[in-house]
Amino acid sequence: MVLSEAREAGCAIIATDVDGIPEALDYGEAGLLVPAKDSQALAAKLKTLLDDSNALNEWKNRASQNLERLNIKRVCQETIAVYQELEKREYKIRNRVLE
C-alpha cells in the first residue's frame, strides 16, 4: 500500500525491482527502479533527484499519473479481501481439527 499512497501523494519514488513493485510503478514509468541489494544504484538515483529539480518534478508528476488501477481505496479493499479469505480458510481448518 505504501507505493499507492506515495503515488497518490505525488512523491517521486525510487524502489527495488522485485516482486510486485515494478507493476505498482507501471514498470518504471511511474517510479525509478533499482536492482535489489545495489546500494550504488540507489545512491545514484537519489543523487540524480536531489541534484536535478526538473527530474525530481518530472518523477513526482509521473508518479501521480494512471492511478485508476492502483488507487489506495482499491488496494485497501483488495488487501482486506485477501485477509478475510485467509481468515475463512483458517476457521474451516480449525473446525475440521476440532471435529
C-alpha atoms as a PDB file:
ATOM      1  CA  MET A   1       0.000   0.000   0.000  1.00  0.00           C
ATOM      2  CA  VAL A   2       2.927   2.326   0.551  1.00  0.00           C
ATOM      3  CA  LEU A   3       3.608   2.708  -3.157  1.00  0.00           C
ATOM      4  CA  SER A   4      -0.038   3.501  -3.892  1.00  0.00           C
ATOM      5  CA  GLU A   5      -0.048   6.065  -1.084  1.00  0.00           C
ATOM      6  CA  ALA A   6       3.189   7.621  -2.307  1.00  0.00           C
ATOM      7  CA  ARG A   7       1.883   7.807  -5.852  1.00  0.00           C
ATOM      8  CA  GLU A   8      -1.379   9.446  -4.785  1.00  0.00           C
ATOM      9  CA  ALA A   9       0.633  11.944  -2.719  1.00  0.00           C
ATOM     10  CA  GLY A  10       2.706  12.800  -5.807  1.00  0.00           C
ATOM     11  CA  CYS A  11       6.027  11.677  -4.387  1.00  0.00           C
ATOM     12  CA  ALA A  12       8.958  10.801  -6.598  1.00  0.00           C
ATOM     13  CA  ILE A  13       9.605   7.117  -5.970  1.00  0.00           C
ATOM     14  CA  ILE A  14      12.748   5.018  -6.075  1.00  0.00           C
ATOM     15  CA  ALA A  15      12.191   1.338  -5.337  1.00  0.00           C
ATOM     16  CA  THR A  16      13.775  -2.048  -5.871  1.00  0.00           C
ATOM     17  CA  ASP A  17      12.937  -4.090  -8.943  1.00  0.00           C
ATOM     18  CA  VAL A  18      11.484  -7.079  -7.046  1.00  0.00           C
ATOM     19  CA  ASP A  19       8.168  -8.864  -6.572  1.00  0.00           C
ATOM     20  CA  GLY A  20       5.147  -6.690  -7.413  1.00  0.00           C
ATOM     21  CA  ILE A  21       6.966  -3.368  -7.175  1.00  0.00           C
ATOM     22  CA  PRO A  22       7.591  -2.940 -10.917  1.00  0.00           C
ATOM     23  CA  GLU A  23       3.895  -3.483 -11.630  1.00  0.00           C
ATOM     24  CA  ALA A  24       2.916  -0.980  -8.916  1.00  0.00           C
ATOM     25  CA  LEU A  25       5.188   1.554 -10.623  1.00  0.00           C
ATOM     26  CA  ASP A  26       3.949   0.826 -14.149  1.00  0.00           C
ATOM     27  CA  TYR A  27       7.201  -0.999 -14.925  1.00  0.00           C
ATOM     28  CA  GLY A  28       9.355   2.059 -14.382  1.00  0.00           C
ATOM     29  CA  GLU A  29       7.018   4.623 -15.922  1.00  0.00           C
ATOM     30  CA  ALA A  30       5.810   5.951 -12.542  1.00  0.00           C
ATOM     31  CA  GLY A  31       8.929   5.445 -10.454  1.00  0.00           C
ATOM     32  CA  LEU A  32      12.611   4.685 -10.692  1.00  0.00           C
ATOM     33  CA  LEU A  33      13.575   1.041 -10.268  1.00  0.00           C
ATOM     34  CA  VAL A  34      16.920  -0.197  -8.986  1.00  0.00           C
ATOM     35  CA  PRO A  35      18.221  -3.750  -8.635  1.00  0.00           C
ATOM     36  CA  ALA A  36      17.824  -5.362  -5.221  1.00  0.00           C
ATOM     37  CA  LYS A  37      20.845  -5.089  -2.919  1.00  0.00           C
ATOM     38  CA  ASP A  38      22.509  -2.493  -5.167  1.00  0.00           C
ATOM     39  CA  SER A  39      23.228   0.424  -2.878  1.00  0.00           C
ATOM     40  CA  GLN A  40      25.324   2.155  -5.542  1.00  0.00           C
ATOM     41  CA  ALA A  41      22.390   2.228  -7.986  1.00  0.00           C
ATOM     42  CA  LEU A  42      20.103   3.504  -5.240  1.00  0.00           C
ATOM     43  CA  ALA A  43      22.578   6.229  -4.288  1.00  0.00           C
ATOM     44  CA  ALA A  44      22.963   7.257  -7.932  1.00  0.00           C
ATOM     45  CA  LYS A  45      19.190   7.615  -8.417  1.00  0.00           C
ATOM     46  CA  LEU A  46      18.845   9.571  -5.175  1.00  0.00           C
ATOM     47  CA  LYS A  47      21.683  11.874  -6.203  1.00  0.00           C
ATOM     48  CA  THR A  48      20.058  12.458  -9.583  1.00  0.00           C
ATOM     49  CA  LEU A  49      16.782  13.529  -7.984  1.00  0.00           C
ATOM     50  CA  LEU A  50      18.467  15.666  -5.339  1.00  0.00           C
ATOM     51  CA  ASP A  51      20.722  17.403  -7.859  1.00  0.00           C
ATOM     52  CA  ASP A  52      18.150  17.961 -10.601  1.00  0.00           C
ATOM     53  CA  SER A  53      14.913  19.665  -9.571  1.00  0.00           C
ATOM     54  CA  ASN A  54      13.499  19.209 -13.079  1.00  0.00           C
ATOM     55  CA  ALA A  55      13.998  15.445 -12.859  1.00  0.00           C
ATOM     56  CA  LEU A  56      12.507  15.426  -9.364  1.00  0.00           C
ATOM     57  CA  ASN A  57       9.420  17.287 -10.546  1.00  0.00           C
ATOM     58  CA  GLU A  58       9.107  15.038 -13.590  1.00  0.00           C
ATOM     59  CA  TRP A  59       9.105  11.891 -11.410  1.00  0.00           C
ATOM     60  CA  LYS A  60       6.623  13.462  -8.999  1.00  0.00           C
ATOM     61  CA  ASN A  61       4.311  14.136 -11.930  1.00  0.00           C
ATOM     62  CA  ARG A  62       4.790  10.669 -13.415  1.00  0.00           C
ATOM     63  CA  ALA A  63       4.021   9.007 -10.079  1.00  0.00           C
ATOM     64  CA  SER A  64       0.611  10.641  -9.935  1.00  0.00           C
ATOM     65  CA  GLN A  65      -0.441   9.501 -13.435  1.00  0.00           C
ATOM     66  CA  ASN A  66      -2.537   6.415 -14.310  1.00  0.00           C
ATOM     67  CA  LEU A  67      -3.731   5.685 -10.790  1.00  0.00           C
ATOM     68  CA  GLU A  68      -7.127   4.264 -11.735  1.00  0.00           C
ATOM     69  CA  ARG A  69      -5.987   0.664 -11.254  1.00  0.00           C
ATOM     70  CA  LEU A  70      -3.751   1.262  -8.235  1.00  0.00           C
ATOM     71  CA  ASN A  71      -5.625   3.854  -6.203  1.00  0.00           C
ATOM     72  CA  ILE A  72      -5.318   3.414  -2.458  1.00  0.00           C
ATOM     73  CA  LYS A  73      -9.010   2.721  -1.875  1.00  0.00           C
ATOM     74  CA  ARG A  74      -8.994  -0.203  -4.300  1.00  0.00           C
ATOM     75  CA  VAL A  75      -5.687  -1.565  -2.986  1.00  0.00           C
ATOM     76  CA  CYS A  76      -7.013  -1.445   0.594  1.00  0.00           C
ATOM     77  CA  GLN A  77     -10.218  -3.214  -0.386  1.00  0.00           C
ATOM     78  CA  GLU A  78      -8.298  -5.965  -2.166  1.00  0.00           C
ATOM     79  CA  THR A  79      -5.887  -6.378   0.746  1.00  0.00           C
ATOM     80  CA  ILE A  80      -8.753  -6.681   3.210  1.00  0.00           C
ATOM     81  CA  ALA A  81     -10.458  -9.230   0.942  1.00  0.00           C
ATOM     82  CA  VAL A  82      -7.307 -11.382   0.955  1.00  0.00           C
ATOM     83  CA  TYR A  83      -7.140 -11.295   4.760  1.00  0.00           C
ATOM     84  CA  GLN A  84     -10.835 -12.144   5.035  1.00  0.00           C
ATOM     85  CA  GLU A  85     -10.408 -15.126   2.717  1.00  0.00           C
ATOM     86  CA  LEU A  86      -7.434 -16.349   4.735  1.00  0.00           C
ATOM     87  CA  GLU A  87      -9.431 -15.931   7.925  1.00  0.00           C
ATOM     88  CA  LYS A  88     -12.287 -18.040   6.485  1.00  0.00           C
ATOM     89  CA  ARG A  89      -9.864 -20.784   5.447  1.00  0.00           C
ATOM     90  CA  GLU A  90      -8.235 -20.801   8.878  1.00  0.00           C
ATOM     91  CA  TYR A  91     -11.660 -21.029  10.524  1.00  0.00           C
ATOM     92  CA  LYS A  92     -12.610 -24.017   8.339  1.00  0.00           C
ATOM     93  CA  ILE A  93      -9.306 -25.754   9.086  1.00  0.00           C
ATOM     94  CA  ARG A  94      -9.714 -25.253  12.840  1.00  0.00           C
ATOM     95  CA  ASN A  95     -13.267 -26.579  12.766  1.00  0.00           C
ATOM     96  CA  ARG A  96     -12.138 -29.738  10.929  1.00  0.00           C
ATOM     97  CA  VAL A  97      -9.433 -30.352  13.514  1.00  0.00           C
ATOM     98  CA  LEU A  98     -11.900 -29.990  16.391  1.00  0.00           C
ATOM     99  CA  GLU A  99     -14.441 -32.372  14.865  1.00  0.00           C
END
